[in-house]
Amino acid sequence: MEPDELPDKSLRGPDGTVYRRTPQRVTRRVARDAVDAGAAVVTDIWPDGLRWFDGDDARNAWKAIQPALVTGRRPDPHDVQWVGHVWTSDDGRLLLRFDGQH
């Protein structure tokens, strides 16, 4: 099951947990630490749309995203690039959402 984007732009995960975007951008260190601690990963890129990854799938998704992560100003795309933000639930769970562009 994929996440649902709610009318207020928050995300509802497959287990019903609602996550809201924080202003914190994802850096490589933040992502590594969060994924190692069990954070889920959501990707959004055309034409795939929103995709949910957790556990080993989240680690594998992060490994694929890491080389193309943009942490500063986004340059003109020449290949796939990702920008990520930290999202949190009311009970403190973390989610990393990566929006891709190509």
PDB file of N, CA and C in Angstrom:
ATOM      1  N   MET A   1       0.847  -1.193   0.000  1.00  0.00           N
ATOM      2  CA  MET A   1       0.000   0.000   0.000  1.00  0.00           C
ATOM      3  C   MET A   1       0.884   1.246   0.000  1.00  0.00           C
ATOM      4  N   GLU A   2       0.531   2.206  -0.792  1.00  0.00           N
ATOM      5  CA  GLU A   2       1.287   3.452  -0.889  1.00  0.00           C
ATOM      6  C   GLU A   2       0.688   4.498   0.053  1.00  0.00           C
ATOM      7  N   PRO A   3       1.457   5.531   0.378  1.00  0.00           N
ATOM      8  CA  PRO A   3       0.937   6.573   1.253  1.00  0.00           C
ATOM      9  C   PRO A   3      -0.126   7.403   0.542  1.00  0.00           C
ATOM     10  N   ASP A   4      -0.966   8.040   1.341  1.00  0.00           N
ATOM     11  CA  ASP A   4      -1.983   8.945   0.805  1.00  0.00           C
ATOM     12  C   ASP A   4      -1.580  10.370   1.136  1.00  0.00           C
ATOM     13  N   GLU A   5      -1.684  11.258   0.142  1.00  0.00           N
ATOM     14  CA  GLU A   5      -1.486  12.674   0.418  1.00  0.00           C
ATOM     15  C   GLU A   5      -2.855  13.250   0.784  1.00  0.00           C
ATOM     16  N   LEU A   6      -2.942  13.806   1.976  1.00  0.00           N
ATOM     17  CA  LEU A   6      -4.204  14.337   2.479  1.00  0.00           C
ATOM     18  C   LEU A   6      -4.417  15.764   1.982  1.00  0.00           C
ATOM     19  N   PRO A   7      -5.640  16.298   2.076  1.00  0.00           N
ATOM     20  CA  PRO A   7      -5.927  17.645   1.564  1.00  0.00           C
ATOM     21  C   PRO A   7      -5.017  18.729   2.156  1.00  0.00           C
ATOM     22  N   ASP A   8      -4.564  18.551   3.400  1.00  0.00           N
ATOM     23  CA  ASP A   8      -3.684  19.563   4.012  1.00  0.00           C
ATOM     24  C   ASP A   8      -2.214  19.335   3.660  1.00  0.00           C
ATOM     25  N   LYS A   9      -1.943  18.424   2.705  1.00  0.00           N
ATOM     26  CA  LYS A   9      -0.600  18.087   2.209  1.00  0.00           C
ATOM     27  C   LYS A   9       0.208  17.209   3.162  1.00  0.00           C
ATOM     28  N   SER A  10      -0.402  16.752   4.257  1.00  0.00           N
ATOM     29  CA  SER A  10       0.267  15.778   5.108  1.00  0.00           C
ATOM     30  C   SER A  10       0.174  14.408   4.422  1.00  0.00           C
ATOM     31  N   LEU A  11       0.946  13.454   4.924  1.00  0.00           N
ATOM     32  CA  LEU A  11       0.945  12.110   4.357  1.00  0.00           C
ATOM     33  C   LEU A  11       0.427  11.110   5.376  1.00  0.00           C
ATOM     34  N   ARG A  12      -0.397  10.185   4.914  1.00  0.00           N
ATOM     35  CA  ARG A  12      -0.854   9.090   5.760  1.00  0.00           C
ATOM     36  C   ARG A  12      -0.171   7.820   5.274  1.00  0.00           C
ATOM     37  N   GLY A  13       0.577   7.182   6.182  1.00  0.00           N
ATOM     38  CA  GLY A  13       1.271   5.948   5.848  1.00  0.00           C
ATOM     39  C   GLY A  13       0.326   4.772   5.789  1.00  0.00           C
ATOM     40  N   PRO A  14       0.824   3.623   5.336  1.00  0.00           N
ATOM     41  CA  PRO A  14       0.000   2.426   5.211  1.00  0.00           C
ATOM     42  C   PRO A  14      -0.646   1.982   6.523  1.00  0.00           C
ATOM     43  N   ASP A  15      -0.024   2.309   7.665  1.00  0.00           N
ATOM     44  CA  ASP A  15      -0.597   1.915   8.959  1.00  0.00           C
ATOM     45  C   ASP A  15      -1.535   2.970   9.536  1.00  0.00           C
ATOM     46  N   GLY A  16      -1.801   4.039   8.768  1.00  0.00           N
ATOM     47  CA  GLY A  16      -2.712   5.093   9.212  1.00  0.00           C
ATOM     48  C   GLY A  16      -2.030   6.257   9.917  1.00  0.00           C
ATOM     49  N   THR A  17      -0.735   6.168  10.189  1.00  0.00           N
ATOM     50  CA  THR A  17      -0.012   7.257  10.837  1.00  0.00           C
ATOM     51  C   THR A  17       0.079   8.447   9.894  1.00  0.00           C
ATOM     52  N   VAL A  18      -0.181   9.635  10.431  1.00  0.00           N
ATOM     53  CA  VAL A  18      -0.125  10.867   9.637  1.00  0.00           C
ATOM     54  C   VAL A  18       1.186  11.579   9.938  1.00  0.00           C
ATOM     55  N   TYR A  19       1.875  11.987   8.885  1.00  0.00           N
ATOM     56  CA  TYR A  19       3.156  12.684   8.978  1.00  0.00           C
ATOM     57  C   TYR A  19       3.012  14.075   8.380  1.00  0.00           C
ATOM     58  N   ARG A  20       3.691  15.036   9.005  1.00  0.00           N
ATOM     59  CA  ARG A  20       3.679  16.411   8.509  1.00  0.00           C
ATOM     60  C   ARG A  20       5.108  16.871   8.235  1.00  0.00           C
ATOM     61  N   ARG A  21       5.243  17.655   7.206  1.00  0.00           N
ATOM     62  CA  ARG A  21       6.565  18.134   6.799  1.00  0.00           C
ATOM     63  C   ARG A  21       7.115  19.123   7.815  1.00  0.00           C
ATOM     64  N   THR A  22       8.394  18.982   8.099  1.00  0.00           N
ATOM     65  CA  THR A  22       9.103  19.953   8.920  1.00  0.00           C
ATOM     66  C   THR A  22       9.947  20.813   7.975  1.00  0.00           C
ATOM     67  N   PRO A  23      10.500  21.909   8.452  1.00  0.00           N
ATOM     68  CA  PRO A  23      11.362  22.715   7.585  1.00  0.00           C
ATOM     69  C   PRO A  23      12.756  22.106   7.388  1.00  0.00           C
ATOM     70  N   GLN A  24      13.062  21.031   8.090  1.00  0.00           N
ATOM     71  CA  GLN A  24      14.403  20.447   8.037  1.00  0.00           C
ATOM     72  C   GLN A  24      14.627  19.692   6.731  1.00  0.00           C
ATOM     73  N   ARG A  25      15.650  20.125   5.981  1.00  0.00           N
ATOM     74  CA  ARG A  25      16.056  19.424   4.766  1.00  0.00           C
ATOM     75  C   ARG A  25      16.861  18.193   5.152  1.00  0.00           C
ATOM     76  N   VAL A  26      16.831  17.208   4.295  1.00  0.00           N
ATOM     77  CA  VAL A  26      17.586  15.981   4.521  1.00  0.00           C
ATOM     78  C   VAL A  26      19.005  16.159   4.012  1.00  0.00           C
ATOM     79  N   THR A  27      19.959  15.871   4.879  1.00  0.00           N
ATOM     80  CA  THR A  27      21.358  15.769   4.491  1.00  0.00           C
ATOM     81  C   THR A  27      21.705  14.287   4.488  1.00  0.00           C
ATOM     82  N   ARG A  28      22.876  13.970   3.970  1.00  0.00           N
ATOM     83  CA  ARG A  28      23.285  12.562   3.959  1.00  0.00           C
ATOM     84  C   ARG A  28      23.374  11.998   5.374  1.00  0.00           C
ATOM     85  N   ARG A  29      23.900  12.777   6.287  1.00  0.00           N
ATOM     86  CA  ARG A  29      24.030  12.305   7.670  1.00  0.00           C
ATOM     87  C   ARG A  29      22.664  12.105   8.317  1.00  0.00           C
ATOM     88  N   VAL A  30      21.776  13.071   8.147  1.00  0.00           N
ATOM     89  CA  VAL A  30      20.422  12.953   8.703  1.00  0.00           C
ATOM     90  C   VAL A  30      19.738  11.712   8.150  1.00  0.00           C
ATOM     91  N   ALA A  31      19.838  11.503   6.840  1.00  0.00           N
ATOM     92  CA  ALA A  31      19.186  10.350   6.225  1.00  0.00           C
ATOM     93  C   ALA A  31      19.785   9.045   6.736  1.00  0.00           C
ATOM     94  N   ARG A  32      21.097   8.955   6.773  1.00  0.00           N
ATOM     95  CA  ARG A  32      21.742   7.727   7.243  1.00  0.00           C
ATOM     96  C   ARG A  32      21.290   7.403   8.662  1.00  0.00           C
ATOM     97  N   ASP A  33      21.343   8.398   9.544  1.00  0.00           N
ATOM     98  CA  ASP A  33      20.956   8.173  10.937  1.00  0.00           C
ATOM     99  C   ASP A  33      19.479   7.801  11.062  1.00  0.00           C
ATOM    100  N   ALA A  34      18.616   8.485  10.321  1.00  0.00           N
ATOM    101  CA  ALA A  34      17.172   8.230  10.419  1.00  0.00           C
ATOM    102  C   ALA A  34      16.817   6.845   9.869  1.00  0.00           C
ATOM    103  N   VAL A  35      17.377   6.483   8.721  1.00  0.00           N
ATOM    104  CA  VAL A  35      17.077   5.180   8.132  1.00  0.00           C
ATOM    105  C   VAL A  35      17.637   4.069   9.020  1.00  0.00           C
ATOM    106  N   ASP A  36      18.836   4.269   9.569  1.00  0.00           N
ATOM    107  CA  ASP A  36      19.403   3.277  10.492  1.00  0.00           C
ATOM    108  C   ASP A  36      18.532   3.101  11.735  1.00  0.00           C
ATOM    109  N   ALA A  37      17.833   4.174  12.130  1.00  0.00           N
ATOM    110  CA  ALA A  37      16.958   4.121  13.299  1.00  0.00           C
ATOM    111  C   ALA A  37      15.555   3.609  12.960  1.00  0.00           C
ATOM    112  N   GLY A  38      15.308   3.296  11.683  1.00  0.00           N
ATOM    113  CA  GLY A  38      14.025   2.712  11.301  1.00  0.00           C
ATOM    114  C   GLY A  38      13.049   3.630  10.599  1.00  0.00           C
ATOM    115  N   ALA A  39      13.481   4.834  10.199  1.00  0.00           N
ATOM    116  CA  ALA A  39      12.573   5.749   9.511  1.00  0.00           C
ATOM    117  C   ALA A  39      12.158   5.168   8.161  1.00  0.00           C
ATOM    118  N   ALA A  40      10.929   5.427   7.792  1.00  0.00           N
ATOM    119  CA  ALA A  40      10.441   5.052   6.468  1.00  0.00           C
ATOM    120  C   ALA A  40      10.911   6.095   5.456  1.00  0.00           C
ATOM    121  N   VAL A  41      10.909   5.712   4.194  1.00  0.00           N
ATOM    122  CA  VAL A  41      11.268   6.599   3.093  1.00  0.00           C
ATOM    123  C   VAL A  41      10.096   6.647   2.122  1.00  0.00           C
ATOM    124  N   VAL A  42       9.761   7.851   1.689  1.00  0.00           N
ATOM    125  CA  VAL A  42       8.752   8.041   0.646  1.00  0.00           C
ATOM    126  C   VAL A  42       9.424   8.774  -0.499  1.00  0.00           C
ATOM    127  N   THR A  43       9.191   8.288  -1.718  1.00  0.00           N
ATOM    128  CA  THR A  43       9.693   8.973  -2.895  1.00  0.00           C
ATOM    129  C   THR A  43       8.522   9.458  -3.730  1.00  0.00           C
ATOM    130  N   ASP A  44       8.753  10.552  -4.422  1.00  0.00           N
ATOM    131  CA  ASP A  44       7.752  11.082  -5.342  1.00  0.00           C
ATOM    132  C   ASP A  44       8.487  11.567  -6.582  1.00  0.00           C
ATOM    133  N   ILE A  45       8.298  10.856  -7.666  1.00  0.00           N
ATOM    134  CA  ILE A  45       8.911  11.231  -8.938  1.00  0.00           C
ATOM    135  C   ILE A  45       7.981  10.781 -10.056  1.00  0.00           C
ATOM    136  N   TRP A  46       7.907  11.575 -11.084  1.00  0.00           N
ATOM    137  CA  TRP A  46       7.073  11.228 -12.230  1.00  0.00           C
ATOM    138  C   TRP A  46       7.756  10.142 -13.020  1.00  0.00           C
ATOM    139  N   PRO A  47       7.109   9.127 -13.473  1.00  0.00           N
ATOM    140  CA  PRO A  47       5.676   8.859 -13.446  1.00  0.00           C
ATOM    141  C   PRO A  47       5.251   7.949 -12.295  1.00  0.00           C
ATOM    142  N   ASP A  48       6.159   7.609 -11.383  1.00  0.00           N
ATOM    143  CA  ASP A  48       5.854   6.640 -10.322  1.00  0.00           C
ATOM    144  C   ASP A  48       4.881   7.153  -9.278  1.00  0.00           C
ATOM    145  N   GLY A  49       4.892   8.457  -8.995  1.00  0.00           N
ATOM    146  CA  GLY A  49       4.071   9.001  -7.924  1.00  0.00           C
ATOM    147  C   GLY A  49       4.648   8.643  -6.566  1.00  0.00           C
ATOM    148  N   LEU A  50       3.837   8.700  -5.543  1.00  0.00           N
ATOM    149  CA  LEU A  50       4.287   8.420  -4.183  1.00  0.00           C
ATOM    150  C   LEU A  50       4.529   6.923  -3.994  1.00  0.00           C
ATOM    151  N   ARG A  51       5.689   6.602  -3.411  1.00  0.00           N
ATOM    152  CA  ARG A  51       6.020   5.206  -3.095  1.00  0.00           C
ATOM    153  C   ARG A  51       6.564   5.140  -1.681  1.00  0.00           C
ATOM    154  N   TRP A  52       6.147   4.151  -0.932  1.00  0.00           N
ATOM    155  CA  TRP A  52       6.494   3.947   0.478  1.00  0.00           C
ATOM    156  C   TRP A  52       7.510   2.825   0.607  1.00  0.00           C
ATOM    157  N   PHE A  53       8.561   3.058   1.406  1.00  0.00           N
ATOM    158  CA  PHE A  53       9.572   2.041   1.675  1.00  0.00           C
ATOM    159  C   PHE A  53       9.841   2.007   3.169  1.00  0.00           C
ATOM    160  N   ASP A  54       9.926   0.822   3.746  1.00  0.00           N
ATOM    161  CA  ASP A  54      10.342   0.720   5.147  1.00  0.00           C
ATOM    162  C   ASP A  54      11.286  -0.463   5.302  1.00  0.00           C
ATOM    163  N   GLY A  55      11.947  -0.543   6.457  1.00  0.00           N
ATOM    164  CA  GLY A  55      12.882  -1.633   6.724  1.00  0.00           C
ATOM    165  C   GLY A  55      14.018  -1.660   5.721  1.00  0.00           C
ATOM    166  N   ASP A  56      14.335  -2.862   5.229  1.00  0.00           N
ATOM    167  CA  ASP A  56      15.420  -3.017   4.252  1.00  0.00           C
ATOM    168  C   ASP A  56      15.112  -2.267   2.957  1.00  0.00           C
ATOM    169  N   ASP A  57      13.844  -2.184   2.592  1.00  0.00           N
ATOM    170  CA  ASP A  57      13.475  -1.442   1.383  1.00  0.00           C
ATOM    171  C   ASP A  57      13.813   0.043   1.529  1.00  0.00           C
ATOM    172  N   ALA A  58      13.628   0.607   2.741  1.00  0.00           N
ATOM    173  CA  ALA A  58      13.981   2.008   2.983  1.00  0.00           C
ATOM    174  C   ALA A  58      15.487   2.199   2.857  1.00  0.00           C
ATOM    175  N   ARG A  59      16.261   1.269   3.404  1.00  0.00           N
ATOM    176  CA  ARG A  59      17.728   1.368   3.281  1.00  0.00           C
ATOM    177  C   ARG A  59      18.162   1.295   1.823  1.00  0.00           C
ATOM    178  N   ASN A  60      17.553   0.400   1.060  1.00  0.00           N
ATOM    179  CA  ASN A  60      17.896   0.281  -0.357  1.00  0.00           C
ATOM    180  C   ASN A  60      17.476   1.519  -1.156  1.00  0.00           C
ATOM    181  N   ALA A  61      16.310   2.069  -0.839  1.00  0.00           N
ATOM    182  CA  ALA A  61      15.864   3.297  -1.513  1.00  0.00           C
ATOM    183  C   ALA A  61      16.836   4.429  -1.210  1.00  0.00           C
ATOM    184  N   TRP A  62      17.247   4.564   0.053  1.00  0.00           N
ATOM    185  CA  TRP A  62      18.189   5.617   0.424  1.00  0.00           C
ATOM    186  C   TRP A  62      19.514   5.439  -0.313  1.00  0.00           C
ATOM    187  N   LYS A  63      20.010   4.218  -0.411  1.00  0.00           N
ATOM    188  CA  LYS A  63      21.271   3.968  -1.133  1.00  0.00           C
ATOM    189  C   LYS A  63      21.164   4.404  -2.595  1.00  0.00           C
ATOM    190  N   ALA A  64      20.008   4.211  -3.203  1.00  0.00           N
ATOM    191  CA  ALA A  64      19.816   4.618  -4.597  1.00  0.00           C
ATOM    192  C   ALA A  64      19.710   6.143  -4.735  1.00  0.00           C
ATOM    193  N   ILE A  65      19.118   6.800  -3.735  1.00  0.00           N
ATOM    194  CA  ILE A  65      18.911   8.250  -3.771  1.00  0.00           C
ATOM    195  C   ILE A  65      20.185   9.009  -3.423  1.00  0.00           C
ATOM    196  N   GLN A  66      20.959   8.496  -2.492  1.00  0.00           N
ATOM    197  CA  GLN A  66      22.101   9.207  -1.914  1.00  0.00           C
ATOM    198  C   GLN A  66      23.014   9.892  -2.939  1.00  0.00           C
ATOM    199  N   PRO A  67      23.445   9.224  -4.014  1.00  0.00           N
ATOM    200  CA  PRO A  67      24.360   9.894  -4.945  1.00  0.00           C
ATOM    201  C   PRO A  67      23.754  11.110  -5.649  1.00  0.00           C
ATOM    202  N   ALA A  68      22.439  11.178  -5.733  1.00  0.00           N
ATOM    203  CA  ALA A  68      21.775  12.268  -6.450  1.00  0.00           C
ATOM    204  C   ALA A  68      21.054  13.233  -5.512  1.00  0.00           C
ATOM    205  N   LEU A  69      21.370  13.173  -4.200  1.00  0.00           N
ATOM    206  CA  LEU A  69      20.725  14.070  -3.240  1.00  0.00           C
ATOM    207  C   LEU A  69      21.282  15.476  -3.380  1.00  0.00           C
ATOM    208  N   VAL A  70      20.398  16.456  -3.476  1.00  0.00           N
ATOM    209  CA  VAL A  70      20.773  17.863  -3.530  1.00  0.00           C
ATOM    210  C   VAL A  70      20.477  18.458  -2.158  1.00  0.00           C
ATOM    211  N   THR A  71      21.512  19.015  -1.515  1.00  0.00           N
ATOM    212  CA  THR A  71      21.312  19.567  -0.175  1.00  0.00           C
ATOM    213  C   THR A  71      21.333  21.093  -0.163  1.00  0.00           C
ATOM    214  N   GLY A  72      21.759  21.700  -1.225  1.00  0.00           N
ATOM    215  CA  GLY A  72      21.759  23.156  -1.347  1.00  0.00           C
ATOM    216  C   GLY A  72      20.730  23.568  -2.377  1.00  0.00           C
ATOM    217  N   ARG A  73      21.039  24.654  -3.056  1.00  0.00           N
ATOM    218  CA  ARG A  73      20.146  25.121  -4.118  1.00  0.00           C
ATOM    219  C   ARG A  73      20.122  24.098  -5.253  1.00  0.00           C
ATOM    220  N   ARG A  74      18.953  23.820  -5.735  1.00  0.00           N
ATOM    221  CA  ARG A  74      18.784  22.802  -6.780  1.00  0.00           C
ATOM    222  C   ARG A  74      19.277  23.346  -8.124  1.00  0.00           C
ATOM    223  N   PRO A  75      20.273  22.661  -8.737  1.00  0.00           N
ATOM    224  CA  PRO A  75      20.736  23.085 -10.060  1.00  0.00           C
ATOM    225  C   PRO A  75      19.757  22.632 -11.141  1.00  0.00           C
ATOM    226  N   ASP A  76      19.973  23.106 -12.367  1.00  0.00           N
ATOM    227  CA  ASP A  76      19.168  22.610 -13.483  1.00  0.00           C
ATOM    228  C   ASP A  76      19.411  21.110 -13.618  1.00  0.00           C
ATOM    229  N   PRO A  77      18.359  20.325 -13.746  1.00  0.00           N
ATOM    230  CA  PRO A  77      18.550  18.875 -13.814  1.00  0.00           C
ATOM    231  C   PRO A  77      19.127  18.427 -15.156  1.00  0.00           C
ATOM    232  N   HIS A  78      20.113  17.562 -15.077  1.00  0.00           N
ATOM    233  CA  HIS A  78      20.667  16.912 -16.266  1.00  0.00           C
ATOM    234  C   HIS A  78      20.451  15.413 -16.155  1.00  0.00           C
ATOM    235  N   ASP A  79      20.095  14.965 -14.971  1.00  0.00           N
ATOM    236  CA  ASP A  79      19.809  13.578 -14.659  1.00  0.00           C
ATOM    237  C   ASP A  79      18.859  13.623 -13.462  1.00  0.00           C
ATOM    238  N   VAL A  80      18.522  12.507 -12.899  1.00  0.00           N
ATOM    239  CA  VAL A  80      17.638  12.510 -11.730  1.00  0.00           C
ATOM    240  C   VAL A  80      18.343  13.173 -10.549  1.00  0.00           C
ATOM    241  N   GLN A  81      17.623  14.018  -9.845  1.00  0.00           N
ATOM    242  CA  GLN A  81      18.116  14.604  -8.607  1.00  0.00           C
ATOM    243  C   GLN A  81      16.987  14.597  -7.586  1.00  0.00           C
ATOM    244  N   TRP A  82      17.379  14.514  -6.319  1.00  0.00           N
ATOM    245  CA  TRP A  82      16.410  14.383  -5.224  1.00  0.00           C
ATOM    246  C   TRP A  82      16.627  15.480  -4.191  1.00  0.00           C
ATOM    247  N   VAL A  83      15.525  16.005  -3.671  1.00  0.00           N
ATOM    248  CA  VAL A  83      15.543  16.915  -2.528  1.00  0.00           C
ATOM    249  C   VAL A  83      14.666  16.266  -1.469  1.00  0.00           C
ATOM    250  N   GLY A  84      15.167  16.211  -0.236  1.00  0.00           N
ATOM    251  CA  GLY A  84      14.425  15.542   0.822  1.00  0.00           C
ATOM    252  C   GLY A  84      14.123  16.436   1.996  1.00  0.00           C
ATOM    253  N   HIS A  85      13.031  16.146   2.663  1.00  0.00           N
ATOM    254  CA  HIS A  85      12.649  16.820   3.905  1.00  0.00           C
ATOM    255  C   HIS A  85      12.293  15.773   4.955  1.00  0.00           C
ATOM    256  N   VAL A  86      12.506  16.148   6.194  1.00  0.00           N
ATOM    257  CA  VAL A  86      12.122  15.318   7.328  1.00  0.00           C
ATOM    258  C   VAL A  86      10.658  15.595   7.635  1.00  0.00           C
ATOM    259  N   TRP A  87       9.915  14.534   7.826  1.00  0.00           N
ATOM    260  CA  TRP A  87       8.510  14.610   8.212  1.00  0.00           C
ATOM    261  C   TRP A  87       8.372  13.892   9.556  1.00  0.00           C
ATOM    262  N   THR A  88       7.450  14.338  10.392  1.00  0.00           N
ATOM    263  CA  THR A  88       7.246  13.689  11.686  1.00  0.00           C
ATOM    264  C   THR A  88       5.764  13.434  11.920  1.00  0.00           C
ATOM    265  N   SER A  89       5.509  12.427  12.743  1.00  0.00           N
ATOM    266  CA  SER A  89       4.143  12.138  13.171  1.00  0.00           C
ATOM    267  C   SER A  89       3.938  12.766  14.540  1.00  0.00           C
ATOM    268  N   ASP A  90       2.694  12.795  15.005  1.00  0.00           N
ATOM    269  CA  ASP A  90       2.404  13.350  16.322  1.00  0.00           C
ATOM    270  C   ASP A  90       3.091  12.574  17.439  1.00  0.00           C
ATOM    271  N   ASP A  91       3.357  11.280  17.210  1.00  0.00           N
ATOM    272  CA  ASP A  91       4.012  10.489  18.250  1.00  0.00           C
ATOM    273  C   ASP A  91       5.534  10.422  18.073  1.00  0.00           C
ATOM    274  N   GLY A  92       6.091  11.269  17.179  1.00  0.00           N
ATOM    275  CA  GLY A  92       7.534  11.397  17.058  1.00  0.00           C
ATOM    276  C   GLY A  92       8.213  10.496  16.047  1.00  0.00           C
ATOM    277  N   ARG A  93       7.451   9.716  15.287  1.00  0.00           N
ATOM    278  CA  ARG A  93       8.075   8.877  14.265  1.00  0.00           C
ATOM    279  C   ARG A  93       8.568   9.751  13.107  1.00  0.00           C
ATOM    280  N   LEU A  94       9.687   9.316  12.510  1.00  0.00           N
ATOM    281  CA  LEU A  94      10.276  10.055  11.400  1.00  0.00           C
ATOM    282  C   LEU A  94       9.963   9.397  10.066  1.00  0.00           C
ATOM    283  N   LEU A  95       9.844  10.240   9.076  1.00  0.00           N
ATOM    284  CA  LEU A  95       9.665   9.833   7.694  1.00  0.00           C
ATOM    285  C   LEU A  95      10.562  10.747   6.869  1.00  0.00           C
ATOM    286  N   LEU A  96      11.247  10.194   5.895  1.00  0.00           N
ATOM    287  CA  LEU A  96      12.037  10.994   4.969  1.00  0.00           C
ATOM    288  C   LEU A  96      11.329  10.964   3.624  1.00  0.00           C
ATOM    289  N   ARG A  97      10.958  12.150   3.141  1.00  0.00           N
ATOM    290  CA  ARG A  97      10.312  12.231   1.823  1.00  0.00           C
ATOM    291  C   ARG A  97      11.286  12.871   0.853  1.00  0.00           C
ATOM    292  N   PHE A  98      11.476  12.191  -0.268  1.00  0.00           N
ATOM    293  CA  PHE A  98      12.366  12.669  -1.305  1.00  0.00           C
ATOM    294  C   PHE A  98      11.551  12.947  -2.573  1.00  0.00           C
ATOM    295  N   ASP A  99      11.641  14.185  -3.048  1.00  0.00           N
ATOM    296  CA  ASP A  99      10.962  14.569  -4.291  1.00  0.00           C
ATOM    297  C   ASP A  99      12.006  14.595  -5.395  1.00  0.00           C
ATOM    298  N   GLY A 100      11.759  13.823  -6.437  1.00  0.00           N
ATOM    299  CA  GLY A 100      12.704  13.706  -7.531  1.00  0.00           C
ATOM    300  C   GLY A 100      12.317  14.557  -8.718  1.00  0.00           C
ATOM    301  N   GLN A 101      13.347  14.926  -9.469  1.00  0.00           N
ATOM    302  CA  GLN A 101      13.155  15.703 -10.678  1.00  0.00           C
ATOM    303  C   GLN A 101      14.133  15.181 -11.718  1.00  0.00           C
ATOM    304  N   HIS A 102      13.688  15.133 -12.953  1.00  0.00           N
ATOM    305  CA  HIS A 102      14.588  14.731 -14.046  1.00  0.00           C
ATOM    306  C   HIS A 102      14.245  15.461 -15.308  1.00  0.00           C
TER     307      HIS A 102
END
